[in-house]
C-alpha atoms as a PDB file:
ATOM      1  CA  MET A   1      -1.684 -38.810   4.987  1.00  0.00           C
ATOM      2  CA  PRO A   2      -0.790 -39.973   1.428  1.00  0.00           C
ATOM      3  CA  LYS A   3       0.511 -43.282   2.816  1.00  0.00           C
ATOM      4  CA  HIS A   4      -2.825 -43.818   4.548  1.00  0.00           C
ATOM      5  CA  ILE A   5      -4.708 -43.225   1.303  1.00  0.00           C
ATOM      6  CA  VAL A   6      -2.443 -45.692  -0.514  1.00  0.00           C
ATOM      7  CA  SER A   7      -3.043 -48.226   2.264  1.00  0.00           C
ATOM      8  CA  GLY A   8      -6.790 -47.759   1.896  1.00  0.00           C
ATOM      9  CA  LEU A   9      -6.626 -48.234  -1.876  1.00  0.00           C
ATOM     10  CA  LYS A  10      -4.460 -51.337  -1.506  1.00  0.00           C
ATOM     11  CA  TYR A  11      -6.872 -52.669   1.112  1.00  0.00           C
ATOM     12  CA  MET A  12      -9.829 -52.223  -1.240  1.00  0.00           C
ATOM     13  CA  ALA A  13      -7.942 -53.868  -4.113  1.00  0.00           C
ATOM     14  CA  THR A  14      -6.824 -56.735  -1.847  1.00  0.00           C
ATOM     15  CA  VAL A  15     -10.376 -57.560  -0.826  1.00  0.00           C
ATOM     16  CA  LYS A  16     -11.649 -57.432  -4.417  1.00  0.00           C
ATOM     17  CA  LEU A  17      -8.770 -59.477  -5.827  1.00  0.00           C
ATOM     18  CA  ARG A  18      -9.335 -62.136  -3.145  1.00  0.00           C
ATOM     19  CA  LYS A  19     -13.037 -62.292  -4.078  1.00  0.00           C
ATOM     20  CA  LYS A  20     -11.918 -62.873  -7.683  1.00  0.00           C
ATOM     21  CA  GLY A  21      -9.985 -65.928  -6.504  1.00  0.00           C
ATOM     22  CA  GLN A  22      -6.418 -64.651  -6.358  1.00  0.00           C
ATOM     23  CA  THR A  23      -4.135 -66.093  -3.703  1.00  0.00           C
ATOM     24  CA  GLN A  24      -2.441 -63.994  -1.037  1.00  0.00           C
ATOM     25  CA  ARG A  25       0.866 -64.493  -2.840  1.00  0.00           C
ATOM     26  CA  GLU A  26      -0.582 -63.239  -6.155  1.00  0.00           C
ATOM     27  CA  ILE A  27      -2.167 -60.229  -4.464  1.00  0.00           C
ATOM     28  CA  ALA A  28       1.033 -59.361  -2.629  1.00  0.00           C
ATOM     29  CA  GLN A  29       3.026 -59.523  -5.853  1.00  0.00           C
ATOM     30  CA  ALA A  30       0.483 -57.490  -7.864  1.00  0.00           C
ATOM     31  CA  LEU A  31       0.229 -54.728  -5.267  1.00  0.00           C
ATOM     32  CA  GLY A  32       3.842 -54.706  -4.062  1.00  0.00           C
ATOM     33  CA  MET A  33       3.133 -55.752  -0.489  1.00  0.00           C
ATOM     34  CA  ASP A  34       4.340 -58.529   1.748  1.00  0.00           C
ATOM     35  CA  ARG A  35       2.000 -61.439   2.387  1.00  0.00           C
ATOM     36  CA  SER A  36       1.556 -60.606   6.060  1.00  0.00           C
ATOM     37  CA  THR A  37       0.092 -57.218   5.110  1.00  0.00           C
ATOM     38  CA  VAL A  38      -2.286 -58.931   2.704  1.00  0.00           C
ATOM     39  CA  SER A  39      -3.295 -61.310   5.494  1.00  0.00           C
ATOM     40  CA  HIS A  40      -3.869 -58.411   7.877  1.00  0.00           C
ATOM     41  CA  TYR A  41      -6.011 -56.572   5.312  1.00  0.00           C
ATOM     42  CA  LEU A  42      -8.100 -59.684   4.640  1.00  0.00           C
ATOM     43  CA  ASN A  43      -8.651 -60.105   8.373  1.00  0.00           C
ATOM     44  CA  GLY A  44      -9.662 -56.460   8.853  1.00  0.00           C
ATOM     45  CA  ARG A  45      -6.579 -55.345  10.751  1.00  0.00           C
ATOM     46  CA  ASN A  46      -4.120 -52.469  10.289  1.00  0.00           C
ATOM     47  CA  LEU A  47      -6.577 -49.930   8.867  1.00  0.00           C
ATOM     48  CA  SER A  48      -8.776 -47.340  10.459  1.00  0.00           C
ATOM     49  CA  LYS A  49     -12.326 -46.716   9.351  1.00  0.00           C
ATOM     50  CA  ASP A  50     -11.284 -43.201   8.277  1.00  0.00           C
ATOM     51  CA  THR A  51      -8.572 -44.590   5.982  1.00  0.00           C
ATOM     52  CA  ILE A  52     -11.082 -46.820   4.218  1.00  0.00           C
ATOM     53  CA  GLU A  53     -13.602 -43.970   3.930  1.00  0.00           C
ATOM     54  CA  VAL A  54     -11.004 -41.698   2.305  1.00  0.00           C
ATOM     55  CA  ALA A  55     -10.023 -44.478  -0.119  1.00  0.00           C
ATOM     56  CA  GLU A  56     -13.693 -44.909  -1.046  1.00  0.00           C
ATOM     57  CA  LEU A  57     -13.900 -41.191  -1.785  1.00  0.00           C
ATOM     58  CA  VAL A  58     -10.884 -41.487  -4.080  1.00  0.00           C
ATOM     59  CA  VAL A  59     -12.423 -44.470  -5.896  1.00  0.00           C
ATOM     60  CA  ASN A  60     -15.618 -42.470  -6.417  1.00  0.00           C
ATOM     61  CA  MET A  61     -13.823 -39.540  -8.066  1.00  0.00           C
ATOM     62  CA  CYS A  62     -14.358 -39.053 -11.790  1.00  0.00           C
ATOM     63  CA  PRO A  63     -12.227 -41.623 -13.666  1.00  0.00           C
ATOM     64  CA  LYS A  64      -9.550 -39.132 -14.734  1.00  0.00           C
ATOM     65  CA  ASP A  65      -9.093 -37.765 -11.209  1.00  0.00           C
ATOM     66  CA  PHE A  66      -9.083 -41.281  -9.721  1.00  0.00           C
ATOM     67  CA  LEU A  67      -6.365 -42.334 -12.182  1.00  0.00           C
ATOM     68  CA  LEU A  68      -4.157 -39.253 -11.866  1.00  0.00           C
ATOM     69  CA  PHE A  69      -4.497 -39.027  -8.073  1.00  0.00           C
ATOM     70  CA  THR A  70      -3.688 -42.717  -7.609  1.00  0.00           C
ATOM     71  CA  HIS A  71      -0.741 -42.544 -10.004  1.00  0.00           C
ATOM     72  CA  THR A  72       0.592 -39.463  -8.188  1.00  0.00           C
ATOM     73  CA  LEU A  73       0.411 -41.280  -4.847  1.00  0.00           C
ATOM     74  CA  LEU A  74       1.861 -44.597  -6.023  1.00  0.00           C
ATOM     75  CA  LYS A  75       4.424 -43.335  -8.549  1.00  0.00           C
ATOM     76  CA  ASP A  76       4.188 -46.776 -10.187  1.00  0.00           C
ATOM     77  CA  LYS A  77       2.257 -47.297 -13.440  1.00  0.00           C
ATOM     78  CA  ASP A  78       1.806 -51.049 -13.069  1.00  0.00           C
ATOM     79  CA  ARG A  79       0.409 -50.894  -9.531  1.00  0.00           C
ATOM     80  CA  THR A  80      -1.752 -47.929 -10.493  1.00  0.00           C
ATOM     81  CA  ARG A  81      -3.201 -49.995 -13.339  1.00  0.00           C
ATOM     82  CA  ILE A  82      -4.022 -52.896 -11.018  1.00  0.00           C
ATOM     83  CA  ILE A  83      -5.710 -50.705  -8.418  1.00  0.00           C
ATOM     84  CA  ILE A  84      -7.695 -48.736 -11.001  1.00  0.00           C
ATOM     85  CA  GLN A  85      -8.817 -51.838 -12.882  1.00  0.00           C
ATOM     86  CA  THR A  86      -9.722 -53.657  -9.669  1.00  0.00           C
ATOM     87  CA  CYS A  87     -11.488 -50.823  -7.859  1.00  0.00           C
ATOM     88  CA  GLN A  88     -13.230 -48.896 -10.640  1.00  0.00           C
ATOM     89  CA  LYS A  89     -16.944 -49.375 -10.529  1.00  0.00           C
ATOM     90  CA  ASN A  90     -17.902 -48.675 -14.136  1.00  0.00           C
ATOM     91  CA  ARG A  91     -16.972 -50.243 -17.442  1.00  0.00           C
ATOM     92  CA  TYR A  92     -16.136 -48.325 -20.585  1.00  0.00           C
ATOM     93  CA  GLU A  93     -16.024 -49.061 -24.274  1.00  0.00           C
ATOM     94  CA  GLY A  94     -15.913 -47.083 -27.435  1.00  0.00           C
ATOM     95  CA  LYS A  95     -14.611 -46.902 -30.920  1.00  0.00           C
ATOM     96  CA  VAL A  96     -11.847 -45.427 -33.005  1.00  0.00           C
ATOM     97  CA  LYS A  97     -13.074 -43.773 -36.193  1.00  0.00           C
ATOM     98  CA  ASN A  98     -11.412 -44.184 -39.577  1.00  0.00           C
ATOM     99  CA  SER A  99     -10.130 -40.619 -39.238  1.00  0.00           C
ATOM    100  CA  CYS A 100      -7.375 -41.948 -36.924  1.00  0.00           C
ATOM    101  CA  ILE A 101      -3.982 -41.083 -38.444  1.00  0.00           C
ATOM    102  CA  GLY A 102      -1.946 -43.404 -36.225  1.00  0.00           C
ATOM    103  CA  CYS A 103       0.069 -40.614 -34.616  1.00  0.00           C
ATOM    104  CA  GLY A 104       0.375 -42.514 -31.317  1.00  0.00           C
ATOM    105  CA  LEU A 105      -0.393 -39.624 -28.949  1.00  0.00           C
ATOM    106  CA  CYS A 106      -3.158 -41.689 -27.382  1.00  0.00           C
ATOM    107  CA  VAL A 107      -0.773 -44.601 -26.852  1.00  0.00           C
ATOM    108  CA  ASP A 108       1.879 -42.382 -25.261  1.00  0.00           C
ATOM    109  CA  THR A 109      -0.535 -40.712 -22.827  1.00  0.00           C
ATOM    110  CA  CYS A 110      -2.586 -43.711 -21.695  1.00  0.00           C
ATOM    111  CA  LEU A 111      -1.447 -44.560 -18.147  1.00  0.00           C
ATOM    112  CA  MET A 112      -3.565 -47.714 -18.254  1.00  0.00           C
ATOM    113  CA  LYS A 113      -1.787 -48.992 -21.395  1.00  0.00           C
ATOM    114  CA  ALA A 114      -5.232 -49.580 -22.872  1.00  0.00           C
ATOM    115  CA  VAL A 115      -4.420 -48.062 -26.272  1.00  0.00           C
ATOM    116  CA  VAL A 116      -2.174 -49.673 -28.875  1.00  0.00           C
ATOM    117  CA  LEU A 117      -1.479 -49.011 -32.537  1.00  0.00           C
ATOM    118  CA  ASN A 118      -2.353 -51.801 -34.933  1.00  0.00           C
ATOM    119  CA  ASP A 119      -1.853 -51.219 -38.668  1.00  0.00           C
ATOM    120  CA  LEU A 120      -1.442 -47.495 -37.971  1.00  0.00           C
ATOM    121  CA  LYS A 121      -4.813 -47.249 -36.237  1.00  0.00           C
ATOM    122  CA  ALA A 122      -5.449 -46.947 -32.529  1.00  0.00           C
ATOM    123  CA  GLN A 123      -7.197 -49.829 -30.820  1.00  0.00           C
ATOM    124  CA  ILE A 124      -8.533 -49.753 -27.284  1.00  0.00           C
ATOM    125  CA  ASP A 125      -8.476 -52.703 -24.891  1.00  0.00           C
ATOM    126  CA  PHE A 126     -11.634 -52.050 -22.948  1.00  0.00           C
ATOM    127  CA  GLU A 127     -10.652 -54.526 -20.242  1.00  0.00           C
ATOM    128  CA  TRP A 128      -8.068 -51.909 -19.194  1.00  0.00           C
ATOM    129  CA  CYS A 129      -9.846 -48.689 -20.221  1.00  0.00           C
ATOM    130  CA  CYS A 130     -10.834 -46.739 -17.116  1.00  0.00           C
ATOM    131  CA  GLY A 131     -12.805 -44.023 -18.894  1.00  0.00           C
ATOM    132  CA  CYS A 132     -10.405 -41.203 -18.014  1.00  0.00           C
ATOM    133  CA  LEU A 133     -10.741 -39.735 -21.538  1.00  0.00           C
ATOM    134  CA  ILE A 134      -7.114 -38.613 -21.667  1.00  0.00           C
ATOM    135  CA  CYS A 135      -6.776 -40.321 -25.056  1.00  0.00           C
ATOM    136  CA  VAL A 136      -9.863 -38.474 -26.304  1.00  0.00           C
ATOM    137  CA  GLU A 137      -8.426 -35.142 -25.147  1.00  0.00           C
ATOM    138  CA  MET A 138      -5.062 -35.821 -26.805  1.00  0.00           C
ATOM    139  CA  CYS A 139      -6.368 -37.069 -30.166  1.00  0.00           C
ATOM    140  CA  PRO A 140      -5.684 -34.387 -32.811  1.00  0.00           C
ATOM    141  CA  THR A 141      -8.347 -35.796 -35.151  1.00  0.00           C
ATOM    142  CA  ASN A 142     -11.107 -36.412 -32.563  1.00  0.00           C
ATOM    143  CA  SER A 143     -11.161 -40.042 -33.652  1.00  0.00           C
ATOM    144  CA  ILE A 144     -11.700 -41.682 -30.260  1.00  0.00           C
ATOM    145  CA  GLU A 145     -15.058 -42.054 -28.533  1.00  0.00           C
ATOM    146  CA  ILE A 146     -15.317 -43.610 -25.064  1.00  0.00           C
ATOM    147  CA  LYS A 147     -18.638 -44.249 -23.377  1.00  0.00           C
ATOM    148  CA  GLU A 148     -19.689 -45.757 -20.081  1.00  0.00           C
ATOM    149  CA  VAL A 149     -21.364 -49.144 -20.357  1.00  0.00           C
ATOM    150  CA  VAL A 150     -24.624 -49.231 -18.457  1.00  0.00           C
ATOM    151  CA  ASP A 151     -25.571 -52.743 -17.362  1.00  0.00           C
END
């Protein structure tokens, strides 16, 4: 069953990446698939309706569960990042308060690699932030605030 869920997530990411203009070769490389699988996904083959429905349920989990579940299934941070960024439905942004002490716990725990230290202060790349709030939970000074952007 886990392989079917991964296939469903890769299918969803494939379709969205293609709509964003990526080639089959780029998609295959980003998701770690061969080009024939990408072609099959884009032509609606190789997946059952149930597989896609389960993948949609995973995508609709809270951001933290979506991230951790996907990472557990894929066991690959880079592919997890691509699928999360491509399939997540909401955008997030926030701020780091001056109380940040630059300890780096947020950097070390961010699976999306959205947090970096710059001049001993955390900075968040909101293009990659998935809203999981792991950095918020780990911050010893409560210096990070992440909020969903409502369009």
